[in-house]
Protein backbone atom coordinates (compact mmCIF):
# COMPACT_ATOMS: atom_id res chain seq x y z
CA MET A 1 0.00 0.00 0.00
CA LYS A 2 1.48 3.36 -1.05
CA ASN A 3 2.04 6.06 1.55
CA THR A 4 -0.53 8.86 1.58
CA PRO A 5 -0.50 12.27 3.31
CA ILE A 6 -2.97 10.92 5.90
CA ASN A 7 -2.39 7.45 7.25
CA ARG A 8 -5.16 5.23 5.91
CA ALA A 9 -5.76 3.65 9.29
CA VAL A 10 -6.49 7.07 10.82
CA VAL A 11 -9.21 7.79 8.25
CA ASP A 12 -10.62 4.27 8.39
CA GLN A 13 -10.86 4.38 12.18
CA ALA A 14 -12.63 7.75 12.08
CA ILE A 15 -15.16 6.48 9.54
CA ALA A 16 -15.70 3.26 11.51
CA ALA A 17 -16.33 5.26 14.69
CA PHE A 18 -19.30 6.89 12.96
CA GLY A 19 -20.70 3.51 11.90
CA ILE A 20 -20.75 4.48 8.22
CA ALA A 21 -20.74 1.42 5.97
CA ASP A 22 -20.82 3.37 2.70
CA PHE A 23 -18.89 6.65 2.80
CA GLY A 24 -20.75 7.79 -0.31
CA LYS A 25 -23.85 8.15 1.84
CA ALA A 26 -22.18 10.19 4.58
CA THR A 27 -23.87 13.51 5.28
CA ILE A 28 -22.13 16.88 5.01
CA ARG A 29 -21.82 17.13 8.79
CA GLU A 30 -20.47 13.57 9.07
CA VAL A 31 -17.79 14.22 6.44
CA LYS A 32 -16.85 17.45 8.22
CA ALA A 33 -16.59 15.71 11.60
CA ILE A 34 -14.54 12.80 10.22
CA ALA A 35 -12.15 15.19 8.46
CA ALA A 36 -11.72 17.17 11.68
CA GLN A 37 -11.02 13.98 13.63
CA ALA A 38 -8.49 12.73 11.07
CA GLU A 39 -6.83 16.15 10.97
CA THR A 40 -6.40 16.19 14.75
CA ALA A 41 -5.16 12.60 14.90
CA SER A 42 -2.68 13.00 12.03
CA GLY A 43 -1.55 16.57 12.59
CA VAL A 44 -1.92 17.16 8.84
CA GLU A 45 -4.10 20.02 7.61
CA PHE A 46 -7.13 19.03 5.54
CA ILE A 47 -8.27 20.90 2.46
CA LYS A 48 -11.91 21.16 3.45
CA MET A 49 -14.37 21.34 0.57
CA GLU A 50 -17.40 19.61 2.07
CA MET A 51 -19.24 22.44 3.83
CA GLY A 52 -21.11 25.16 1.95
CA VAL A 53 -20.31 27.83 4.53
CA PRO A 54 -19.35 31.40 3.54
CA GLY A 55 -15.62 31.99 3.74
CA LEU A 56 -15.73 35.78 3.46
CA PRO A 57 -16.32 38.48 6.10
CA PRO A 58 -19.98 39.33 6.74
CA SER A 59 -21.49 42.40 5.15
CA ALA A 60 -20.33 45.46 7.08
CA VAL A 61 -23.64 47.12 6.19
CA GLY A 62 -25.57 44.37 7.95
CA VAL A 63 -23.28 44.24 10.98
CA ALA A 64 -23.55 47.99 11.58
CA ALA A 65 -27.35 47.97 11.30
CA GLU A 66 -27.71 45.00 13.63
CA ILE A 67 -25.41 46.48 16.26
CA GLU A 68 -27.37 49.73 16.18
CA ALA A 69 -30.65 47.84 16.58
CA LEU A 70 -29.29 45.89 19.54
CA GLN A 71 -27.95 49.02 21.18
CA ASN A 72 -31.41 50.55 20.79
CA GLY A 73 -32.87 47.72 22.86
CA ILE A 74 -34.56 45.70 20.10
CA ALA A 75 -33.54 42.38 21.69
CA SER A 76 -36.15 42.84 24.43
CA LEU A 77 -39.04 42.88 21.95
CA TYR A 78 -40.67 40.01 20.10
CA PRO A 79 -40.58 40.64 16.36
CA ASP A 80 -43.85 41.03 14.46
CA ILE A 81 -44.58 37.59 12.95
CA ASN A 82 -45.25 39.31 9.61
CA GLY A 83 -41.77 40.79 9.62
CA LEU A 84 -40.13 44.17 10.05
CA PRO A 85 -42.01 46.63 7.78
CA GLN A 86 -38.85 48.15 6.27
CA LEU A 87 -37.45 44.68 5.56
CA LYS A 88 -40.62 43.70 3.71
CA ILE A 89 -40.48 46.90 1.66
CA GLU A 90 -36.80 46.49 0.77
CA ALA A 91 -37.27 42.80 -0.07
CA SER A 92 -40.07 43.75 -2.46
CA ARG A 93 -37.82 46.39 -4.02
CA PHE A 94 -34.93 43.88 -4.22
CA VAL A 95 -37.08 41.45 -6.22
CA LYS A 96 -37.97 44.28 -8.60
CA ALA A 97 -34.40 45.62 -8.77
CA PHE A 98 -32.63 42.34 -9.48
CA ILE A 99 -35.32 40.00 -10.93
CA ASP A 100 -37.62 42.62 -12.52
CA VAL A 101 -40.73 41.14 -10.89
CA ASP A 102 -43.45 43.07 -9.08
CA LEU A 103 -44.32 41.55 -5.72
CA ARG A 104 -46.08 43.28 -2.82
CA PRO A 105 -44.23 43.71 0.50
CA GLU A 106 -46.92 41.70 2.35
CA GLY A 107 -45.68 38.50 0.67
CA CYS A 108 -42.04 39.08 1.65
CA VAL A 109 -41.68 37.18 4.91
CA PRO A 110 -38.49 36.97 7.00
CA VAL A 111 -37.42 33.46 7.98
CA THR A 112 -34.54 32.04 10.01
CA GLY A 113 -32.56 31.27 6.89
CA SER A 114 -33.86 29.76 3.67
CA MET A 115 -33.91 26.35 5.34
CA GLN A 116 -36.81 27.47 7.51
CA GLY A 117 -38.36 28.98 4.40
CA THR A 118 -38.28 25.64 2.59
CA PHE A 119 -39.54 23.75 5.66
CA ALA A 120 -42.51 26.10 6.02
CA SER A 121 -43.14 26.03 2.27
CA PHE A 122 -43.11 22.22 2.14
CA LEU A 123 -45.57 22.02 5.03
CA THR A 124 -47.94 24.60 3.59
CA CYS A 125 -47.85 23.27 0.02
CA CYS A 126 -48.59 19.71 1.11
CA GLN A 127 -51.62 20.83 3.14
CA CYS A 128 -53.38 22.69 0.31
CA ASP A 129 -54.89 19.67 -1.45
CA ALA A 130 -55.22 16.20 0.09
CA LYS A 131 -54.52 14.58 -3.30
CA LYS A 132 -51.22 16.45 -3.66
CA ASP A 133 -48.84 15.04 -1.08
CA THR A 134 -45.48 14.96 -2.90
CA ILE A 135 -42.61 17.41 -3.45
CA LEU A 136 -40.68 17.06 -6.72
CA PHE A 137 -36.96 17.88 -6.76
CA ILE A 138 -35.23 18.88 -9.96
CA ASP A 139 -31.88 17.51 -8.86
CA PRO A 140 -29.07 17.58 -7.98
CA GLY A 141 -29.92 19.62 -4.92
CA PHE A 142 -29.26 20.49 -1.31
CA PRO A 143 -29.41 17.17 0.62
CA VAL A 144 -30.88 18.66 3.79
CA GLN A 145 -34.09 19.69 2.00
CA LYS A 146 -34.90 16.02 1.51
CA GLN A 147 -34.04 15.43 5.15
CA GLN A 148 -36.64 18.05 6.05
CA LEU A 149 -39.28 16.01 4.24
CA VAL A 150 -38.14 12.84 5.99
CA VAL A 151 -38.50 14.65 9.32
CA MET A 152 -42.07 15.70 8.53
CA GLY A 153 -42.96 12.31 7.00
CA GLN A 154 -43.72 13.78 3.59
CA ARG A 155 -43.32 12.08 0.20
CA TYR A 156 -40.90 13.32 -2.44
CA GLU A 157 -39.84 12.39 -5.96
CA THR A 158 -36.63 13.37 -7.71
CA PHE A 159 -34.89 13.28 -11.06
CA ASP A 160 -31.39 14.30 -12.15
CA VAL A 161 -31.62 17.13 -14.69
CA TYR A 162 -28.22 16.16 -16.20
CA ASN A 163 -29.72 14.37 -19.22
CA HIS A 164 -32.87 16.50 -19.43
CA ARG A 165 -31.68 20.00 -20.18
CA GLY A 166 -33.26 22.36 -22.68
CA SER A 167 -36.13 21.00 -24.76
CA LYS A 168 -35.81 17.59 -23.07
CA LEU A 169 -37.00 19.01 -19.75
CA HIS A 170 -40.67 19.28 -20.74
CA ALA A 171 -41.37 15.59 -21.24
CA LYS A 172 -39.40 14.53 -18.17
CA LEU A 173 -41.07 17.06 -15.87
CA GLU A 174 -44.56 16.35 -17.19
CA SER A 175 -44.08 12.62 -16.61
CA TYR A 176 -44.09 13.37 -12.86
CA LEU A 177 -46.78 16.04 -12.87
CA GLN A 178 -49.24 13.75 -14.68
CA SER A 179 -49.60 11.67 -11.50
CA GLY A 180 -51.63 14.49 -9.92
CA ARG A 181 -49.73 14.02 -6.65
CA ILE A 182 -47.14 16.80 -6.99
CA ALA A 183 -47.79 19.73 -4.64
CA ALA A 184 -44.64 21.70 -5.41
CA ILE A 185 -41.49 21.68 -7.52
CA ILE A 186 -38.17 22.77 -6.01
CA TYR A 187 -34.77 23.52 -7.53
CA SER A 188 -31.85 25.87 -6.90
CA ASN A 189 -30.57 28.37 -9.46
CA PRO A 190 -27.55 28.67 -9.58
CA ASN A 191 -27.57 25.03 -8.64
CA ASN A 192 -26.14 23.50 -5.51
CA PRO A 193 -24.02 21.37 -6.16
CA SER A 194 -23.48 21.46 -9.93
CA TRP A 195 -23.50 25.25 -10.40
CA VAL A 196 -25.45 24.87 -13.64
CA CYS A 197 -27.91 27.71 -14.19
CA LEU A 198 -31.29 26.97 -15.72
CA LYS A 199 -31.90 28.97 -18.90
CA GLU A 200 -34.94 31.07 -19.72
CA GLU A 201 -36.43 28.34 -21.94
CA GLU A 202 -36.17 25.84 -19.07
CA LEU A 203 -37.72 28.23 -16.56
CA ARG A 204 -40.49 28.93 -19.08
CA THR A 205 -41.13 25.18 -19.30
CA ILE A 206 -41.26 24.81 -15.52
CA GLY A 207 -43.60 27.78 -15.20
CA ALA A 208 -45.95 26.64 -17.96
CA LEU A 209 -46.23 23.09 -16.63
CA ALA A 210 -46.65 24.31 -13.04
CA THR A 211 -49.55 26.48 -14.21
CA GLN A 212 -51.08 23.66 -16.27
CA TYR A 213 -50.97 21.19 -13.38
CA ASP A 214 -51.65 23.76 -10.62
CA VAL A 215 -48.37 23.22 -8.81
CA VAL A 216 -46.42 25.71 -6.67
CA VAL A 217 -42.80 26.38 -7.68
CA LEU A 218 -40.23 26.85 -4.90
CA GLU A 219 -37.21 28.63 -6.38
CA ASP A 220 -34.19 28.41 -4.11
CA LEU A 221 -32.06 31.50 -4.76
CA ALA A 222 -29.51 30.84 -2.02
CA TYR A 223 -26.73 31.85 -4.44
CA PHE A 224 -28.56 34.88 -5.72
CA ALA A 225 -27.18 36.31 -9.00
CA MET A 226 -23.87 34.45 -8.50
CA ASP A 227 -23.64 33.38 -12.15
CA PHE A 228 -20.51 35.43 -12.70
CA ARG A 229 -20.60 34.98 -16.47
CA GLN A 230 -23.05 37.89 -16.46
CA GLU A 231 -23.10 41.22 -14.64
CA LEU A 232 -26.28 40.71 -12.62
CA GLY A 233 -25.49 43.16 -9.82
CA LYS A 234 -26.79 46.46 -11.19
CA PRO A 235 -30.18 47.34 -9.61
CA PHE A 236 -33.16 48.11 -11.85
CA ALA A 237 -31.19 47.35 -15.01
CA PRO A 238 -30.77 44.25 -17.17
CA PRO A 239 -29.51 41.59 -17.18
CA TYR A 240 -31.58 40.28 -14.28
CA GLN A 241 -31.41 37.10 -12.21
CA PRO A 242 -33.42 34.56 -14.25
CA SER A 243 -36.57 33.38 -12.45
CA VAL A 244 -39.66 31.26 -12.92
CA ALA A 245 -41.57 34.25 -11.54
CA HIS A 246 -41.80 35.54 -15.12
CA TYR A 247 -43.64 32.40 -16.24
CA THR A 248 -46.13 31.40 -13.53
CA ASP A 249 -48.26 33.08 -10.85
CA HIS A 250 -47.84 30.57 -8.02
CA TYR A 251 -44.31 30.59 -6.64
CA VAL A 252 -42.16 31.24 -3.58
CA LEU A 253 -38.73 32.82 -4.08
CA LEU A 254 -36.32 31.83 -1.31
CA ILE A 255 -33.74 34.60 -0.86
CA SER A 256 -30.98 34.00 1.66
CA GLY A 257 -28.67 36.33 3.54
CA SER A 258 -26.13 33.55 4.00
CA LYS A 259 -24.12 33.46 0.77
CA ALA A 260 -24.64 36.66 -1.25
CA PHE A 261 -24.23 38.76 1.93
CA SER A 262 -22.01 36.32 3.90
CA TYR A 263 -24.48 36.61 6.78
CA ALA A 264 -25.00 32.91 7.47
CA GLY A 265 -24.44 33.00 11.23
CA GLN A 266 -27.49 35.15 11.93
CA ARG A 267 -29.89 32.78 10.13
CA ILE A 268 -31.80 35.32 8.09
CA GLY A 269 -33.57 35.06 4.77
CA VAL A 270 -36.78 36.14 3.08
CA SER A 271 -39.47 33.92 1.55
CA CYS A 272 -41.15 35.95 -1.18
CA ILE A 273 -44.64 34.62 -1.93
CA SER A 274 -46.24 35.70 -5.20
CA ASP A 275 -49.25 38.00 -4.90
CA LYS A 276 -51.71 35.48 -6.35
CA LEU A 277 -50.43 32.58 -4.25
CA TYR A 278 -50.44 34.70 -1.09
CA HIS A 279 -54.14 35.50 -1.49
CA ARG A 280 -55.29 32.10 -2.75
CA ALA A 281 -57.55 30.04 -0.49
CA TYR A 282 -57.25 26.23 -0.61
CA ALA A 283 -59.81 23.67 0.55
CA GLY A 284 -57.13 21.77 2.44
CA LEU A 285 -56.05 24.83 4.39
CA THR A 286 -59.65 25.79 5.15
CA GLY A 287 -60.40 22.29 6.38
CA ARG A 288 -57.32 22.20 8.60
CA TYR A 289 -57.29 25.75 9.94
CA GLY A 290 -60.85 26.94 9.43
CA GLY A 291 -59.86 29.56 6.89
CA GLY A 292 -56.98 31.66 5.67
CA THR A 293 -55.02 31.92 2.45
CA PHE A 294 -51.68 30.39 1.50
CA GLY A 295 -49.85 33.51 2.71
CA THR A 296 -51.69 33.96 5.99
CA VAL A 297 -51.41 30.26 6.84
CA PHE A 298 -47.69 30.29 5.95
CA ILE A 299 -47.12 33.20 8.35
CA HIS A 300 -49.68 32.95 11.14
CA ARG A 301 -49.98 29.19 11.43
CA VAL A 302 -46.81 27.50 10.16
CA LEU A 303 -44.08 30.05 10.89
CA TYR A 304 -45.71 31.02 14.17
CA ALA A 305 -45.66 27.38 15.29
CA LEU A 306 -42.08 26.86 14.13
CA SER A 307 -40.31 29.82 15.70
CA SER A 308 -42.71 32.63 16.62
CA GLY A 309 -40.77 34.92 14.33
CA THR A 310 -37.26 35.57 13.09
CA SER A 311 -34.39 37.16 15.06
CA HIS A 312 -35.40 40.79 15.49
CA SER A 313 -31.94 42.33 15.15
CA ALA A 314 -31.06 40.19 12.12
CA GLN A 315 -34.10 41.59 10.35
CA TYR A 316 -32.61 45.08 10.71
CA ALA A 317 -29.37 43.77 9.20
CA MET A 318 -31.17 42.19 6.26
CA ALA A 319 -33.24 45.32 5.67
CA ALA A 320 -30.09 47.47 5.59
CA MET A 321 -28.26 45.11 3.20
CA LEU A 322 -31.18 44.93 0.80
CA LYS A 323 -31.69 48.70 0.94
CA ALA A 324 -28.04 49.39 0.15
CA ALA A 325 -28.10 46.87 -2.69
CA ASN A 326 -31.29 48.40 -4.09
CA GLU A 327 -29.76 51.88 -4.00
CA GLY A 328 -26.55 50.73 -5.67
CA THR A 329 -24.35 51.78 -2.74
CA TYR A 330 -23.48 48.19 -1.80
CA PRO A 331 -22.14 46.16 -4.75
CA PHE A 332 -22.64 42.85 -2.94
CA LEU A 333 -21.71 40.69 -5.92
CA GLU A 334 -18.24 42.24 -6.18
CA GLU A 335 -17.36 40.75 -2.80
CA VAL A 336 -18.55 37.21 -3.55
CA LYS A 337 -16.84 37.05 -6.96
CA GLU A 338 -13.89 35.75 -4.95
CA TYR A 339 -15.60 32.34 -5.00
CA GLY A 340 -15.45 32.32 -8.79
CA ARG A 341 -11.74 33.12 -8.76
CA ARG A 342 -11.11 30.29 -6.30
CA ALA A 343 -13.13 27.83 -8.37
CA HIS A 344 -11.13 28.69 -11.49
CA ARG A 345 -7.82 27.91 -9.77
CA LEU A 346 -9.10 24.75 -8.07
CA LYS A 347 -10.60 23.35 -11.26
CA GLU A 348 -7.32 23.90 -13.10
CA ILE A 349 -5.43 21.87 -10.50
CA PHE A 350 -7.89 18.96 -10.51
CA LEU A 351 -8.17 18.87 -14.32
CA ARG A 352 -4.39 18.89 -14.73
CA HIS A 353 -4.17 15.77 -12.57
CA GLY A 354 -6.65 13.62 -14.46
CA PHE A 355 -9.96 14.64 -12.88
CA HIS A 356 -12.93 15.81 -14.92
CA LEU A 357 -15.87 18.12 -14.26
CA VAL A 358 -19.03 16.05 -13.86
CA TYR A 359 -21.48 18.86 -14.59
CA ASP A 360 -19.36 20.75 -17.09
CA ARG A 361 -21.85 22.41 -19.43
CA ASP A 362 -24.83 24.74 -19.31
CA LEU A 363 -26.33 23.57 -22.58
CA ASP A 364 -23.96 25.23 -25.09
CA ASP A 365 -21.90 27.11 -22.50
CA PRO A 366 -19.21 25.95 -20.07
CA VAL A 367 -20.51 25.90 -16.50
CA ALA A 368 -19.72 29.05 -14.51
CA ASP A 369 -17.03 29.33 -11.86
CA GLY A 370 -18.69 29.82 -8.50
CA PHE A 371 -19.31 28.59 -4.99
CA TYR A 372 -19.38 24.89 -5.98
CA PHE A 373 -18.11 22.63 -8.72
CA THR A 374 -18.26 18.88 -9.31
CA ILE A 375 -15.37 16.51 -9.97
CA GLY A 376 -14.99 12.87 -10.96
CA TYR A 377 -12.06 10.53 -11.56
CA PRO A 378 -11.92 7.77 -14.18
CA GLY A 379 -12.86 4.34 -12.86
CA MET A 380 -13.99 5.55 -9.44
CA SER A 381 -17.49 5.68 -8.03
CA SER A 382 -18.66 8.59 -5.90
CA SER A 383 -18.13 6.55 -2.73
CA GLU A 384 -14.67 5.34 -3.72
CA LEU A 385 -13.47 8.81 -4.69
CA ALA A 386 -14.86 10.49 -1.57
CA ARG A 387 -13.05 8.01 0.67
CA GLU A 388 -9.84 7.90 -1.35
CA LEU A 389 -9.42 11.68 -1.31
CA MET A 390 -9.70 11.63 2.49
CA TYR A 391 -6.37 9.76 2.55
CA TYR A 392 -4.89 12.72 0.69
CA GLY A 393 -6.34 15.23 3.12
CA VAL A 394 -9.18 16.46 0.89
CA SER A 395 -12.78 16.29 2.11
CA ALA A 396 -15.81 16.64 -0.17
CA ILE A 397 -19.30 15.13 -0.32
CA SER A 398 -20.56 12.47 -2.69
CA LEU A 399 -22.94 13.53 -5.44
CA GLU A 400 -25.05 10.54 -4.42
CA THR A 401 -26.30 12.51 -1.41
CA THR A 402 -27.50 15.36 -3.64
CA GLY A 403 -29.88 13.28 -5.76
CA SER A 404 -27.45 13.11 -8.66
CA SER A 405 -27.18 9.91 -10.69
CA GLN A 406 -23.65 10.83 -11.77
CA GLN A 407 -20.42 9.55 -10.22
CA GLY A 408 -18.37 12.21 -8.49
CA LEU A 409 -18.13 14.74 -5.69
CA ARG A 410 -19.29 18.24 -4.82
CA ALA A 411 -16.42 20.56 -3.96
CA CYS A 412 -16.97 23.90 -2.22
CA THR A 413 -14.57 26.83 -2.64
CA SER A 414 -15.45 28.78 0.47
CA PHE A 415 -12.85 27.53 2.97
CA ILE A 416 -9.83 27.47 0.67
CA GLY A 417 -6.87 29.43 2.05
CA ALA A 418 -4.26 31.09 -0.16
CA HIS A 419 -1.60 28.56 0.90
CA GLN A 420 -3.75 25.57 0.01
CA TYR A 421 -3.51 25.77 -3.77
CA ASP A 422 0.11 24.55 -3.61
CA GLN A 423 -0.91 21.93 -1.04
CA LEU A 424 -3.67 20.64 -3.32
CA ASP A 425 -1.34 20.58 -6.32
CA GLU A 426 1.21 18.49 -4.41
CA ARG A 427 -1.40 16.07 -3.09
CA MET A 428 -3.15 15.62 -6.43
CA THR A 429 0.22 15.01 -8.09
CA LEU A 430 0.68 12.15 -5.64
CA PHE A 431 -2.92 11.01 -6.14
CA ALA A 432 -2.42 10.80 -9.91
CA GLU A 433 0.81 8.84 -9.45
CA HIS A 434 -1.01 6.36 -7.19
CA HIS A 435 -4.03 6.10 -9.52
CA PRO A 436 -2.77 6.05 -13.11
CA VAL A 437 -5.45 6.26 -15.79
CA GLY A 438 -5.44 3.90 -18.76
């Protein structure tokens, strides 16, 4: 057995301690914990690419606004369950400024991060119609969203969009909607983990079919406007962040403070419910709650039961960040472009040492450089590659956990330090020597 930067026994013992039979099925948190354990035991620094956590300083605009709110005594007051009025107004303006969609402030609801937004959306959508009890994922996607459905005992279906891009999407998507059981469709754009970005024709297809089959679309915009191939950061001017909101009336846009504003620690986001969906009454909701519309049930029943509101001071931070972005005084995308620069350098190293990009194209275009990218290695399954790279001090998650049917890993750029590019180059040189291709 050839020597590796991390002793194999150290990694194997750490994996065994977690009782994981197939490392390809390990969760993000398990991979992180095992890497930390192996790093401590070996004394060798890991190149950590498993966690999608911001690696940049938080927005100074948000920090200043939150400190001021706290100093003014806001922590002693429960927040209004509907949300801070100025946050709702600025969220509505943000949707207009960067997506070019009109949406009333009443439907812009603060949540404790987009994860709570999806949880509340799943619950509400699956209670609207007793016949519609299933969430459909256009995968690959964020693994924890499926875990949310497991927690609430809700059904879900999934398909990998890899072989169904462009005109092929219609038939594949309709094959699921024809069952009559789909309550909502969810996807991320840009996509976690592949970083592909759905095109206008694909969003038009999703919107048209959602309207035809009366399905709600949940558009996860956690990586808002972070397709760095275009300049999407100028408010009230094209090009805009592409969105299904242009093609259907029943949608929820999930906008997060975590990545675009590097404000993950305060757990703040906004769920933006379309005007028509907000005011629509459903028989299932009436039967369960005695009345209400989608929007009022989402806020006053579901969110109220989950958390009784969102951190008061964090709402002031989010309002300030959105306001500054809307006014053009805070070019938030300029800060996060660093992720694209990191991805470009990391991809070059992996590709030079025999790896390939799994999701490499956006139809006719190369996939963008961004927060994530996907890698594979000839002759290795997702599980084999994930485990083998651990011996070389590189941690990443298997695409299997994201709903992908492809073999490979998701790599995140956020925690990469300047000194680690040379480290990675050295380790992947050794990896390629130990695993010759052909």
